[in-house]
Protein backbone atom coordinates (compact mmCIF):
# COMPACT_ATOMS: atom_id res chain seq x y z
CA MET A 1 -8.90 173.32 56.65
CA PRO A 2 -5.61 174.35 55.03
CA LEU A 3 -5.17 177.95 54.08
CA LYS A 4 -4.29 178.91 50.53
CA LEU A 5 -1.17 180.96 49.90
CA GLU A 6 -3.25 184.06 49.09
CA ASP A 7 -5.14 183.71 52.38
CA LYS A 8 -1.89 183.36 54.31
CA GLN A 9 -0.44 186.44 52.59
CA ALA A 10 -3.59 188.43 53.39
CA ILE A 11 -3.42 187.41 57.07
CA VAL A 12 0.27 188.29 57.30
CA ALA A 13 -0.39 191.67 55.64
CA GLU A 14 -3.36 192.42 57.93
CA VAL A 15 -1.59 191.46 61.16
CA GLY A 16 1.59 193.20 60.02
CA GLU A 17 -0.29 196.44 59.34
CA VAL A 18 -2.00 196.33 62.73
CA ALA A 19 1.31 195.50 64.46
CA SER A 20 3.07 198.42 62.79
CA LYS A 21 0.54 200.87 64.27
CA ALA A 22 -0.21 199.17 67.60
CA GLN A 23 0.84 200.53 71.00
CA SER A 24 1.21 197.17 72.76
CA ALA A 25 0.39 193.50 72.34
CA VAL A 26 -0.73 190.74 74.67
CA LEU A 27 -0.34 187.09 73.76
CA ALA A 28 -2.44 184.49 75.52
CA ASP A 29 -3.14 180.77 75.41
CA TYR A 30 -6.85 180.24 74.81
CA ARG A 31 -7.01 176.43 75.10
CA GLY A 32 -10.15 175.33 76.88
CA MET A 33 -12.25 178.36 75.99
CA SER A 34 -15.65 177.68 74.48
CA VAL A 35 -16.90 179.30 71.28
CA ALA A 36 -19.33 181.39 73.33
CA GLN A 37 -16.51 182.65 75.53
CA MET A 38 -14.38 183.54 72.49
CA THR A 39 -17.33 185.35 70.92
CA ASP A 40 -17.87 187.28 74.15
CA LEU A 41 -14.16 188.18 74.32
CA ARG A 42 -14.20 189.35 70.70
CA ALA A 43 -17.23 191.57 71.38
CA LYS A 44 -15.50 193.13 74.40
CA ALA A 45 -12.37 193.65 72.31
CA ARG A 46 -14.34 195.53 69.64
CA GLU A 47 -15.87 197.76 72.32
CA ALA A 48 -12.42 198.49 73.77
CA GLY A 49 -10.81 199.18 70.38
CA VAL A 50 -8.52 196.16 70.67
CA TYR A 51 -7.58 194.06 67.63
CA LEU A 52 -8.08 190.42 68.64
CA LYS A 53 -7.10 187.55 66.39
CA VAL A 54 -6.15 183.89 66.52
CA VAL A 55 -3.40 183.33 63.95
CA ARG A 56 -0.95 180.53 63.27
CA ASN A 57 2.38 181.15 64.95
CA THR A 58 4.32 180.89 61.69
CA LEU A 59 2.17 183.63 60.16
CA VAL A 60 2.58 185.83 63.25
CA ARG A 61 6.36 185.46 63.02
CA ARG A 62 6.26 186.76 59.45
CA ALA A 63 3.76 189.50 60.26
CA VAL A 64 5.77 191.01 63.13
CA ASP A 65 9.04 191.15 61.18
CA GLY A 66 10.26 194.74 61.11
CA THR A 67 7.91 195.92 63.88
CA ASP A 68 8.36 196.57 67.60
CA PHE A 69 6.73 193.21 68.24
CA GLU A 70 9.52 191.00 66.88
CA CYS A 71 10.31 190.34 70.54
CA VAL A 72 7.23 188.06 70.82
CA LYS A 73 8.70 185.36 68.58
CA PRO A 74 10.14 183.27 71.46
CA ILE A 75 6.73 182.83 73.10
CA LEU A 76 4.90 181.86 69.91
CA VAL A 77 4.36 178.26 70.97
CA GLY A 78 1.04 176.47 71.03
CA PRO A 79 -2.32 178.09 70.37
CA THR A 80 -1.91 181.86 70.58
CA LEU A 81 -4.44 184.64 70.84
CA LEU A 82 -3.12 188.06 69.77
CA ALA A 83 -4.53 191.25 71.26
CA PHE A 84 -3.11 194.51 69.89
CA ALA A 85 -3.89 197.81 71.64
CA ARG A 86 -4.48 200.39 68.93
CA GLU A 87 -5.13 203.59 70.90
CA GLU A 88 -3.98 203.29 74.51
CA PRO A 89 -1.02 201.06 75.49
CA GLY A 90 -2.93 199.46 78.36
CA ASP A 91 -6.18 198.65 76.52
CA ALA A 92 -5.29 195.11 75.41
CA ALA A 93 -3.67 194.26 78.75
CA ARG A 94 -6.71 195.51 80.68
CA LEU A 95 -9.08 193.53 78.45
CA ILE A 96 -7.15 190.25 78.65
CA LYS A 97 -6.40 190.55 82.37
CA ASP A 98 -10.04 191.31 83.17
CA TYR A 99 -11.29 188.44 81.05
CA ALA A 100 -8.67 186.02 82.41
CA SER A 101 -9.71 186.86 85.98
CA HIS A 102 -13.20 185.47 85.21
CA ASN A 103 -12.04 182.67 82.94
CA ASP A 104 -9.31 180.24 84.00
CA ALA A 105 -8.92 178.86 80.47
CA LEU A 106 -7.36 182.11 79.20
CA GLU A 107 -3.71 182.25 80.24
CA VAL A 108 -1.45 185.20 79.46
CA LYS A 109 1.87 184.26 77.81
CA GLY A 110 3.45 187.70 77.66
CA VAL A 111 3.09 191.40 76.96
CA ALA A 112 5.05 193.40 74.40
CA ILE A 113 5.42 197.16 74.59
CA SER A 114 7.99 199.47 72.99
CA GLY A 115 10.01 196.57 71.62
CA ARG A 116 10.30 194.83 75.01
CA LEU A 117 8.73 191.54 75.97
CA LEU A 118 7.46 191.39 79.54
CA PRO A 119 6.60 188.07 81.20
CA ALA A 120 2.98 187.27 81.94
CA ASP A 121 3.33 188.08 85.64
CA GLN A 122 4.21 191.68 84.76
CA ILE A 123 1.00 192.43 82.90
CA ASP A 124 0.00 194.75 85.75
CA ARG A 125 2.78 197.16 84.73
CA VAL A 126 1.00 197.72 81.42
CA VAL A 127 -2.52 197.54 82.90
CA ASN A 128 -1.66 200.38 85.30
CA LEU A 129 -0.40 202.71 82.58
CA PRO A 130 -2.52 205.85 82.51
CA THR A 131 -4.69 206.58 79.51
CA LYS A 132 -3.86 209.59 77.39
CA GLU A 133 -6.42 211.76 79.21
CA GLU A 134 -5.16 210.63 82.63
CA ALA A 135 -1.55 211.34 81.64
CA ILE A 136 -2.47 214.82 80.40
CA ALA A 137 -4.39 215.51 83.62
CA GLN A 138 -1.39 214.39 85.70
CA LEU A 139 0.93 216.56 83.65
CA MET A 140 -1.36 219.57 83.93
CA GLY A 141 -1.65 219.03 87.68
CA ALA A 142 2.13 218.93 88.00
CA MET A 143 2.48 222.07 85.89
CA GLN A 144 -0.28 223.90 87.76
CA ALA A 145 1.00 223.17 91.28
CA PRO A 146 3.86 225.74 91.32
CA VAL A 147 1.65 228.45 89.83
CA ALA A 148 -1.12 227.76 92.35
CA LYS A 149 1.37 227.85 95.22
CA PHE A 150 2.79 231.15 93.95
CA ALA A 151 -0.70 232.66 93.70
CA GLN A 152 -1.50 231.42 97.20
CA THR A 153 1.69 233.01 98.53
CA LEU A 154 0.91 236.31 96.83
CA ASN A 155 -2.59 236.24 98.30
CA GLU A 156 -1.24 235.71 101.82
CA ILE A 157 0.73 238.99 101.75
CA PRO A 158 -2.33 241.28 101.56
CA SER A 159 -4.27 239.16 104.05
CA LYS A 160 -1.45 239.41 106.58
CA PHE A 161 -1.24 243.15 105.94
CA VAL A 162 -4.99 243.53 106.48
CA ARG A 163 -4.78 241.48 109.67
CA ILE A 164 -1.99 243.72 110.96
CA LEU A 165 -3.98 246.83 110.05
CA ASN A 166 -6.98 245.44 111.88
CA GLU A 167 -4.86 244.83 114.96
CA ILE A 168 -3.35 248.36 115.01
CA PRO A 169 -6.49 250.23 116.17
CA GLY A 170 -7.01 247.77 119.00
CA LYS A 171 -3.41 248.10 120.13
CA PHE A 172 -3.53 251.87 119.75
CA VAL A 173 -6.68 252.09 121.85
CA ARG A 174 -5.20 249.83 124.52
CA THR A 175 -2.05 251.95 124.57
CA LEU A 176 -4.11 255.15 124.97
CA MET A 177 -6.11 253.55 127.75
CA ALA A 178 -2.90 252.55 129.51
CA VAL A 179 -1.48 256.09 129.17
CA ARG A 180 -4.75 257.58 130.47
CA GLN A 181 -4.79 255.22 133.42
CA GLN A 182 -1.18 256.11 134.21
CA LYS A 183 -1.94 259.82 134.13
CA GLU A 184 -4.93 259.41 136.41
CA GLU A 185 -2.82 257.71 139.03
């Protein structure tokens, strides 16, 4: 069914708005997927906060103009499924990779992040990106390590001092015993 001009403009505006705010995008070929599989994928995308849409390539080209995702234009050939990660850069890549591992009909075409287009075989680079919480935890761990080491070092000074103090009476007593034994001989 042909789309009217107003419908096309609405789709371009919607996809363009999502693309302007998205963290990353994954493009995939969905040929061979059943309606039930597409419905399942859409439900999983909603749960993951991923914008998932099947749009004509000509409309996608217009929608991504002026965004970081202009780099996807060369791979807009054939049926294309768009997955935009809204919150975390790796969300769309994780969703599509996970679904493609269980469904051979879904084939990744490429991944776009920060204005760069990565080939399909490099989707793992985006999948393995830490989430915001994980990145903050890693940063805090890196920042905390020197302070923890410094506190540990400071704590070792009194414990060594206490150990030395505990050894002094024993050494003193042994020395007195040795002097006494010497005098008795």
